[in-house]
PDB file of N, CA and C in Angstrom:
ATOM      1  N   UNK A   1      -0.579 -15.217  14.810  1.00  0.00           N
ATOM      2  CA  UNK A   1      -0.255 -13.911  15.353  1.00  0.00           C
ATOM      3  C   UNK A   1       0.694 -13.151  14.426  1.00  0.00           C
ATOM      4  N   UNK A   2       1.542 -13.882  13.669  1.00  0.00           N
ATOM      5  CA  UNK A   2       2.450 -13.203  12.742  1.00  0.00           C
ATOM      6  C   UNK A   2       1.674 -12.527  11.615  1.00  0.00           C
ATOM      7  N   UNK A   3       0.604 -13.163  11.178  1.00  0.00           N
ATOM      8  CA  UNK A   3      -0.220 -12.582  10.109  1.00  0.00           C
ATOM      9  C   UNK A   3      -0.885 -11.307  10.601  1.00  0.00           C
ATOM     10  N   UNK A   4      -1.423 -11.346  11.805  1.00  0.00           N
ATOM     11  CA  UNK A   4      -2.066 -10.153  12.357  1.00  0.00           C
ATOM     12  C   UNK A   4      -1.063  -9.034  12.596  1.00  0.00           C
ATOM     13  N   UNK A   5       0.143  -9.373  13.035  1.00  0.00           N
ATOM     14  CA  UNK A   5       1.186  -8.365  13.213  1.00  0.00           C
ATOM     15  C   UNK A   5       1.546  -7.724  11.874  1.00  0.00           C
ATOM     16  N   UNK A   6       1.668  -8.545  10.832  1.00  0.00           N
ATOM     17  CA  UNK A   6       2.000  -8.038   9.499  1.00  0.00           C
ATOM     18  C   UNK A   6       0.898  -7.120   8.973  1.00  0.00           C
ATOM     19  N   UNK A   7      -0.355  -7.507   9.141  1.00  0.00           N
ATOM     20  CA  UNK A   7      -1.472  -6.666   8.711  1.00  0.00           C
ATOM     21  C   UNK A   7      -1.516  -5.394   9.541  1.00  0.00           C
ATOM     22  N   UNK A   8      -1.256  -5.500  10.840  1.00  0.00           N
ATOM     23  CA  UNK A   8      -1.228  -4.321  11.698  1.00  0.00           C
ATOM     24  C   UNK A   8      -0.141  -3.342  11.306  1.00  0.00           C
ATOM     25  N   UNK A   9       1.010  -3.855  10.892  1.00  0.00           N
ATOM     26  CA  UNK A   9       2.112  -3.006  10.443  1.00  0.00           C
ATOM     27  C   UNK A   9       1.711  -2.209   9.195  1.00  0.00           C
ATOM     28  N   UNK A  10       0.886  -2.806   8.362  1.00  0.00           N
ATOM     29  CA  UNK A  10       0.467  -2.170   7.116  1.00  0.00           C
ATOM     30  C   UNK A  10      -0.903  -1.506   7.214  1.00  0.00           C
ATOM     31  N   UNK A  11      -1.480  -1.460   8.384  1.00  0.00           N
ATOM     32  CA  UNK A  11      -2.874  -1.028   8.518  1.00  0.00           C
ATOM     33  C   UNK A  11      -3.112   0.430   8.128  1.00  0.00           C
ATOM     34  N   UNK A  12      -2.160   1.308   8.380  1.00  0.00           N
ATOM     35  CA  UNK A  12      -2.371   2.714   8.033  1.00  0.00           C
ATOM     36  C   UNK A  12      -2.497   2.888   6.523  1.00  0.00           C
ATOM     37  N   UNK A  13      -1.564   2.292   5.782  1.00  0.00           N
ATOM     38  CA  UNK A  13      -1.647   2.381   4.320  1.00  0.00           C
ATOM     39  C   UNK A  13      -2.899   1.690   3.798  1.00  0.00           C
ATOM     40  N   UNK A  14      -3.260   0.572   4.413  1.00  0.00           N
ATOM     41  CA  UNK A  14      -4.467  -0.140   3.982  1.00  0.00           C
ATOM     42  C   UNK A  14      -5.704   0.723   4.223  1.00  0.00           C
ATOM     43  N   UNK A  15      -5.744   1.379   5.366  1.00  0.00           N
ATOM     44  CA  UNK A  15      -6.880   2.233   5.695  1.00  0.00           C
ATOM     45  C   UNK A  15      -6.979   3.401   4.717  1.00  0.00           C
ATOM     46  N   UNK A  16      -5.826   3.944   4.318  1.00  0.00           N
ATOM     47  CA  UNK A  16      -5.834   5.091   3.416  1.00  0.00           C
ATOM     48  C   UNK A  16      -6.158   4.720   1.972  1.00  0.00           C
ATOM     49  N   UNK A  17      -5.914   3.479   1.567  1.00  0.00           N
ATOM     50  CA  UNK A  17      -6.100   3.112   0.158  1.00  0.00           C
ATOM     51  C   UNK A  17      -7.333   2.265  -0.123  1.00  0.00           C
ATOM     52  N   UNK A  18      -7.945   1.687   0.883  1.00  0.00           N
ATOM     53  CA  UNK A  18      -9.031   0.746   0.609  1.00  0.00           C
ATOM     54  C   UNK A  18     -10.239   1.403  -0.059  1.00  0.00           C
ATOM     55  N   UNK A  19     -10.493   2.672   0.220  1.00  0.00           N
ATOM     56  CA  UNK A  19     -11.666   3.321  -0.382  1.00  0.00           C
ATOM     57  C   UNK A  19     -11.529   3.476  -1.891  1.00  0.00           C
ATOM     58  N   UNK A  20     -10.292   3.575  -2.383  1.00  0.00           N
ATOM     59  CA  UNK A  20     -10.114   3.662  -3.824  1.00  0.00           C
ATOM     60  C   UNK A  20     -10.565   2.375  -4.509  1.00  0.00           C
ATOM     61  N   UNK A  21     -10.364   1.252  -3.840  1.00  0.00           N
ATOM     62  CA  UNK A  21     -10.799  -0.017  -4.401  1.00  0.00           C
ATOM     63  C   UNK A  21     -12.290  -0.251  -4.209  1.00  0.00           C
ATOM     64  N   UNK A  22     -12.904   0.469  -3.286  1.00  0.00           N
ATOM     65  CA  UNK A  22     -14.354   0.336  -3.056  1.00  0.00           C
ATOM     66  C   UNK A  22     -15.172   1.251  -3.959  1.00  0.00           C
ATOM     67  N   UNK A  23     -14.653   2.467  -4.247  1.00  0.00           N
ATOM     68  CA  UNK A  23     -15.481   3.473  -4.889  1.00  0.00           C
ATOM     69  C   UNK A  23     -14.900   4.111  -6.148  1.00  0.00           C
ATOM     70  N   UNK A  24     -13.590   4.279  -6.252  1.00  0.00           N
ATOM     71  CA  UNK A  24     -13.034   5.159  -7.272  1.00  0.00           C
ATOM     72  C   UNK A  24     -12.429   4.462  -8.482  1.00  0.00           C
ATOM     73  N   UNK A  25     -11.684   3.390  -8.320  1.00  0.00           N
ATOM     74  CA  UNK A  25     -11.074   2.689  -9.450  1.00  0.00           C
ATOM     75  C   UNK A  25     -12.064   1.647  -9.944  1.00  0.00           C
ATOM     76  N   UNK A  26     -12.842   2.013 -10.951  1.00  0.00           N
ATOM     77  CA  UNK A  26     -13.979   1.188 -11.353  1.00  0.00           C
ATOM     78  C   UNK A  26     -13.615  -0.252 -11.711  1.00  0.00           C
ATOM     79  N   UNK A  27     -12.506  -0.526 -12.414  1.00  0.00           N
ATOM     80  CA  UNK A  27     -12.184  -1.946 -12.677  1.00  0.00           C
ATOM     81  C   UNK A  27     -11.987  -2.748 -11.389  1.00  0.00           C
ATOM     82  N   UNK A  28     -11.406  -2.124 -10.374  1.00  0.00           N
ATOM     83  CA  UNK A  28     -11.216  -2.826  -9.102  1.00  0.00           C
ATOM     84  C   UNK A  28     -12.514  -2.910  -8.311  1.00  0.00           C
ATOM     85  N   UNK A  29     -13.382  -1.920  -8.468  1.00  0.00           N
ATOM     86  CA  UNK A  29     -14.705  -1.977  -7.820  1.00  0.00           C
ATOM     87  C   UNK A  29     -15.461  -3.197  -8.330  1.00  0.00           C
ATOM     88  N   UNK A  30     -15.390  -3.446  -9.644  1.00  0.00           N
ATOM     89  CA  UNK A  30     -16.055  -4.618 -10.204  1.00  0.00           C
ATOM     90  C   UNK A  30     -15.449  -5.910  -9.672  1.00  0.00           C
ATOM     91  N   UNK A  31     -14.134  -5.920  -9.451  1.00  0.00           N
ATOM     92  CA  UNK A  31     -13.481  -7.117  -8.904  1.00  0.00           C
ATOM     93  C   UNK A  31     -13.924  -7.348  -7.460  1.00  0.00           C
ATOM     94  N   UNK A  32     -13.936  -6.279  -6.667  1.00  0.00           N
ATOM     95  CA  UNK A  32     -14.278  -6.416  -5.245  1.00  0.00           C
ATOM     96  C   UNK A  32     -15.725  -6.857  -5.067  1.00  0.00           C
ATOM     97  N   UNK A  33     -16.642  -6.215  -5.786  1.00  0.00           N
ATOM     98  CA  UNK A  33     -18.055  -6.517  -5.598  1.00  0.00           C
ATOM     99  C   UNK A  33     -18.607  -7.537  -6.592  1.00  0.00           C
ATOM    100  N   UNK A  34     -17.763  -8.100  -7.434  1.00  0.00           N
ATOM    101  CA  UNK A  34     -18.220  -9.015  -8.474  1.00  0.00           C
ATOM    102  C   UNK A  34     -18.807 -10.315  -7.965  1.00  0.00           C
ATOM    103  N   UNK A  35     -18.398 -10.752  -6.820  1.00  0.00           N
ATOM    104  CA  UNK A  35     -18.872 -12.051  -6.338  1.00  0.00           C
ATOM    105  C   UNK A  35     -20.263 -11.987  -5.708  1.00  0.00           C
ATOM    106  N   UNK A  36     -20.684 -10.802  -5.297  1.00  0.00           N
ATOM    107  CA  UNK A  36     -21.973 -10.612  -4.614  1.00  0.00           C
ATOM    108  C   UNK A  36     -22.006 -11.310  -3.252  1.00  0.00           C
ATOM    109  N   UNK A  37     -20.838 -11.635  -2.731  1.00  0.00           N
ATOM    110  CA  UNK A  37     -20.725 -12.269  -1.421  1.00  0.00           C
ATOM    111  C   UNK A  37     -19.895 -11.341  -0.539  1.00  0.00           C
ATOM    112  N   UNK A  38     -20.423 -10.971   0.615  1.00  0.00           N
ATOM    113  CA  UNK A  38     -19.764  -9.992   1.472  1.00  0.00           C
ATOM    114  C   UNK A  38     -18.405 -10.472   1.968  1.00  0.00           C
ATOM    115  N   UNK A  39     -18.304 -11.726   2.330  1.00  0.00           N
ATOM    116  CA  UNK A  39     -17.040 -12.254   2.842  1.00  0.00           C
ATOM    117  C   UNK A  39     -15.967 -12.279   1.760  1.00  0.00           C
ATOM    118  N   UNK A  40     -16.336 -12.707   0.568  1.00  0.00           N
ATOM    119  CA  UNK A  40     -15.381 -12.721  -0.542  1.00  0.00           C
ATOM    120  C   UNK A  40     -14.968 -11.301  -0.905  1.00  0.00           C
ATOM    121  N   UNK A  41     -15.918 -10.365  -0.898  1.00  0.00           N
ATOM    122  CA  UNK A  41     -15.594  -8.962  -1.181  1.00  0.00           C
ATOM    123  C   UNK A  41     -14.642  -8.407  -0.132  1.00  0.00           C
ATOM    124  N   UNK A  42     -14.874  -8.733   1.133  1.00  0.00           N
ATOM    125  CA  UNK A  42     -14.004  -8.262   2.208  1.00  0.00           C
ATOM    126  C   UNK A  42     -12.593  -8.813   2.067  1.00  0.00           C
ATOM    127  N   UNK A  43     -12.477 -10.104   1.809  1.00  0.00           N
ATOM    128  CA  UNK A  43     -11.156 -10.722   1.661  1.00  0.00           C
ATOM    129  C   UNK A  43     -10.432 -10.151   0.446  1.00  0.00           C
ATOM    130  N   UNK A  44     -11.148  -9.957  -0.646  1.00  0.00           N
ATOM    131  CA  UNK A  44     -10.552  -9.357  -1.842  1.00  0.00           C
ATOM    132  C   UNK A  44     -10.065  -7.952  -1.553  1.00  0.00           C
ATOM    133  N   UNK A  45     -10.866  -7.181  -0.847  1.00  0.00           N
ATOM    134  CA  UNK A  45     -10.486  -5.811  -0.503  1.00  0.00           C
ATOM    135  C   UNK A  45      -9.266  -5.783   0.410  1.00  0.00           C
ATOM    136  N   UNK A  46      -9.206  -6.674   1.382  1.00  0.00           N
ATOM    137  CA  UNK A  46      -8.048  -6.735   2.273  1.00  0.00           C
ATOM    138  C   UNK A  46      -6.793  -7.107   1.492  1.00  0.00           C
ATOM    139  N   UNK A  47      -6.898  -8.065   0.598  1.00  0.00           N
ATOM    140  CA  UNK A  47      -5.731  -8.482  -0.183  1.00  0.00           C
ATOM    141  C   UNK A  47      -5.248  -7.355  -1.096  1.00  0.00           C
ATOM    142  N   UNK A  48      -6.160  -6.701  -1.795  1.00  0.00           N
ATOM    143  CA  UNK A  48      -5.771  -5.583  -2.658  1.00  0.00           C
ATOM    144  C   UNK A  48      -5.129  -4.452  -1.856  1.00  0.00           C
ATOM    145  N   UNK A  49      -5.715  -4.131  -0.719  1.00  0.00           N
ATOM    146  CA  UNK A  49      -5.167  -3.064   0.120  1.00  0.00           C
ATOM    147  C   UNK A  49      -3.811  -3.444   0.696  1.00  0.00           C
ATOM    148  N   UNK A  50      -3.640  -4.708   1.059  1.00  0.00           N
ATOM    149  CA  UNK A  50      -2.365  -5.167   1.598  1.00  0.00           C
ATOM    150  C   UNK A  50      -1.272  -5.122   0.531  1.00  0.00           C
ATOM    151  N   UNK A  51      -1.587  -5.545  -0.670  1.00  0.00           N
ATOM    152  CA  UNK A  51      -0.607  -5.476  -1.769  1.00  0.00           C
ATOM    153  C   UNK A  51      -0.224  -4.028  -2.040  1.00  0.00           C
ATOM    154  N   UNK A  52      -1.204  -3.143  -2.052  1.00  0.00           N
ATOM    155  CA  UNK A  52      -0.926  -1.728  -2.266  1.00  0.00           C
ATOM    156  C   UNK A  52      -0.053  -1.169  -1.158  1.00  0.00           C
ATOM    157  N   UNK A  53      -0.321  -1.557   0.071  1.00  0.00           N
ATOM    158  CA  UNK A  53       0.476  -1.099   1.201  1.00  0.00           C
ATOM    159  C   UNK A  53       1.927  -1.546   1.086  1.00  0.00           C
ATOM    160  N   UNK A  54       2.131  -2.780   0.692  1.00  0.00           N
ATOM    161  CA  UNK A  54       3.495  -3.299   0.517  1.00  0.00           C
ATOM    162  C   UNK A  54       4.217  -2.529  -0.576  1.00  0.00           C
ATOM    163  N   UNK A  55       3.529  -2.259  -1.686  1.00  0.00           N
ATOM    164  CA  UNK A  55       4.138  -1.494  -2.784  1.00  0.00           C
ATOM    165  C   UNK A  55       4.457  -0.065  -2.367  1.00  0.00           C
ATOM    166  N   UNK A  56       3.591   0.549  -1.578  1.00  0.00           N
ATOM    167  CA  UNK A  56       3.856   1.908  -1.082  1.00  0.00           C
ATOM    168  C   UNK A  56       5.081   1.911  -0.172  1.00  0.00           C
ATOM    169  N   UNK A  57       5.196   0.932   0.698  1.00  0.00           N
ATOM    170  CA  UNK A  57       6.371   0.836   1.569  1.00  0.00           C
ATOM    171  C   UNK A  57       7.659   0.668   0.766  1.00  0.00           C
ATOM    172  N   UNK A  58       7.625  -0.168  -0.260  1.00  0.00           N
ATOM    173  CA  UNK A  58       8.803  -0.350  -1.115  1.00  0.00           C
ATOM    174  C   UNK A  58       9.147   0.949  -1.825  1.00  0.00           C
ATOM    175  N   UNK A  59       8.143   1.633  -2.343  1.00  0.00           N
ATOM    176  CA  UNK A  59       8.356   2.914  -3.023  1.00  0.00           C
ATOM    177  C   UNK A  59       9.030   3.916  -2.092  1.00  0.00           C
ATOM    178  N   UNK A  60       8.523   4.074  -0.877  1.00  0.00           N
ATOM    179  CA  UNK A  60       9.095   5.050   0.057  1.00  0.00           C
ATOM    180  C   UNK A  60      10.482   4.640   0.524  1.00  0.00           C
ATOM    181  N   UNK A  61      10.753   3.355   0.590  1.00  0.00           N
ATOM    182  CA  UNK A  61      12.087   2.896   0.964  1.00  0.00           C
ATOM    183  C   UNK A  61      13.106   3.328  -0.092  1.00  0.00           C
ATOM    184  N   UNK A  62      12.763   3.169  -1.362  1.00  0.00           N
ATOM    185  CA  UNK A  62      13.673   3.561  -2.423  1.00  0.00           C
ATOM    186  C   UNK A  62      13.785   5.080  -2.556  1.00  0.00           C
ATOM    187  N   UNK A  63      12.699   5.794  -2.330  1.00  0.00           N
ATOM    188  CA  UNK A  63      12.764   7.257  -2.353  1.00  0.00           C
ATOM    189  C   UNK A  63      13.669   7.758  -1.233  1.00  0.00           C
ATOM    190  N   UNK A  64      13.562   7.164  -0.054  1.00  0.00           N
ATOM    191  CA  UNK A  64      14.410   7.552   1.069  1.00  0.00           C
ATOM    192  C   UNK A  64      15.873   7.266   0.778  1.00  0.00           C
ATOM    193  N   UNK A  65      16.141   6.105   0.183  1.00  0.00           N
ATOM    194  CA  UNK A  65      17.513   5.745  -0.179  1.00  0.00           C
ATOM    195  C   UNK A  65      18.077   6.731  -1.197  1.00  0.00           C
ATOM    196  N   UNK A  66      17.276   7.083  -2.197  1.00  0.00           N
ATOM    197  CA  UNK A  66      17.705   8.039  -3.217  1.00  0.00           C
ATOM    198  C   UNK A  66      17.952   9.410  -2.601  1.00  0.00           C
ATOM    199  N   UNK A  67      17.065   9.840  -1.719  1.00  0.00           N
ATOM    200  CA  UNK A  67      17.234  11.127  -1.054  1.00  0.00           C
ATOM    201  C   UNK A  67      18.534  11.159  -0.256  1.00  0.00           C
ATOM    202  N   UNK A  68      18.823  10.097   0.477  1.00  0.00           N
ATOM    203  CA  UNK A  68      20.054  10.046   1.270  1.00  0.00           C
ATOM    204  C   UNK A  68      21.293  10.076   0.384  1.00  0.00           C
ATOM    205  N   UNK A  69      21.253   9.403  -0.744  1.00  0.00           N
ATOM    206  CA  UNK A  69      22.394   9.421  -1.651  1.00  0.00           C
ATOM    207  C   UNK A  69      22.611  10.815  -2.232  1.00  0.00           C
ATOM    208  N   UNK A  70      21.539  11.474  -2.623  1.00  0.00           N
ATOM    209  CA  UNK A  70      21.661  12.835  -3.164  1.00  0.00           C
ATOM    210  C   UNK A  70      22.165  13.780  -2.081  1.00  0.00           C
ATOM    211  N   UNK A  71      21.646  13.633  -0.882  1.00  0.00           N
ATOM    212  CA  UNK A  71      22.059  14.485   0.227  1.00  0.00           C
ATOM    213  C   UNK A  71      23.548  14.310   0.531  1.00  0.00           C
ATOM    214  N   UNK A  72      24.016  13.058   0.584  1.00  0.00           N
ATOM    215  CA  UNK A  72      25.431  12.803   0.839  1.00  0.00           C
ATOM    216  C   UNK A  72      26.306  13.327  -0.299  1.00  0.00           C
ATOM    217  N   UNK A  73      25.834  13.197  -1.526  1.00  0.00           N
ATOM    218  CA  UNK A  73      26.585  13.712  -2.672  1.00  0.00           C
ATOM    219  C   UNK A  73      26.727  15.230  -2.583  1.00  0.00           C
ATOM    220  N   UNK A  74      25.634  15.907  -2.248  1.00  0.00           N
ATOM    221  CA  UNK A  74      25.677  17.360  -2.139  1.00  0.00           C
ATOM    222  C   UNK A  74      26.548  17.809  -0.977  1.00  0.00           C
ATOM    223  N   UNK A  75      26.523  17.074   0.116  1.00  0.00           N
ATOM    224  CA  UNK A  75      27.402  17.405   1.249  1.00  0.00           C
ATOM    225  C   UNK A  75      28.861  17.222   0.888  1.00  0.00           C
ATOM    226  N   UNK A  76      29.175  16.189   0.106  1.00  0.00           N
ATOM    227  CA  UNK A  76      30.565  15.948  -0.279  1.00  0.00           C
ATOM    228  C   UNK A  76      31.068  17.020  -1.241  1.00  0.00           C
ATOM    229  N   UNK A  77      30.165  17.644  -1.980  1.00  0.00           N
ATOM    230  CA  UNK A  77      30.544  18.710  -2.914  1.00  0.00           C
ATOM    231  C   UNK A  77      30.566  20.083  -2.241  1.00  0.00           C
ATOM    232  N   UNK A  78      30.134  20.144  -0.991  1.00  0.00           N
ATOM    233  CA  UNK A  78      30.178  21.399  -0.248  1.00  0.00           C
ATOM    234  C   UNK A  78      28.926  22.240  -0.346  1.00  0.00           C
ATOM    235  N   UNK A  79      27.817  21.658  -0.751  1.00  0.00           N
ATOM    236  CA  UNK A  79      26.564  22.405  -0.844  1.00  0.00           C
ATOM    237  C   UNK A  79      25.824  22.377   0.451  1.00  0.00           C
TER     238      UNK A  79
END
């Protein structure tokens, strides 16, 4: 259940990015469909999308932290 909860937490980002690995990024398209097995392609696609989702979450966490620091700095200077 922890695995499903973790995938569910990342499902929006996975849903938004999985098509790039299916159709647009040709090197990854070859990786996903290279096995010619539907189950292996599905698992590969889920793993790639999950990794991308985790990286997107990390990126937004640091952007938010940077934004808050800049905002606090500007408030302390009276802007």
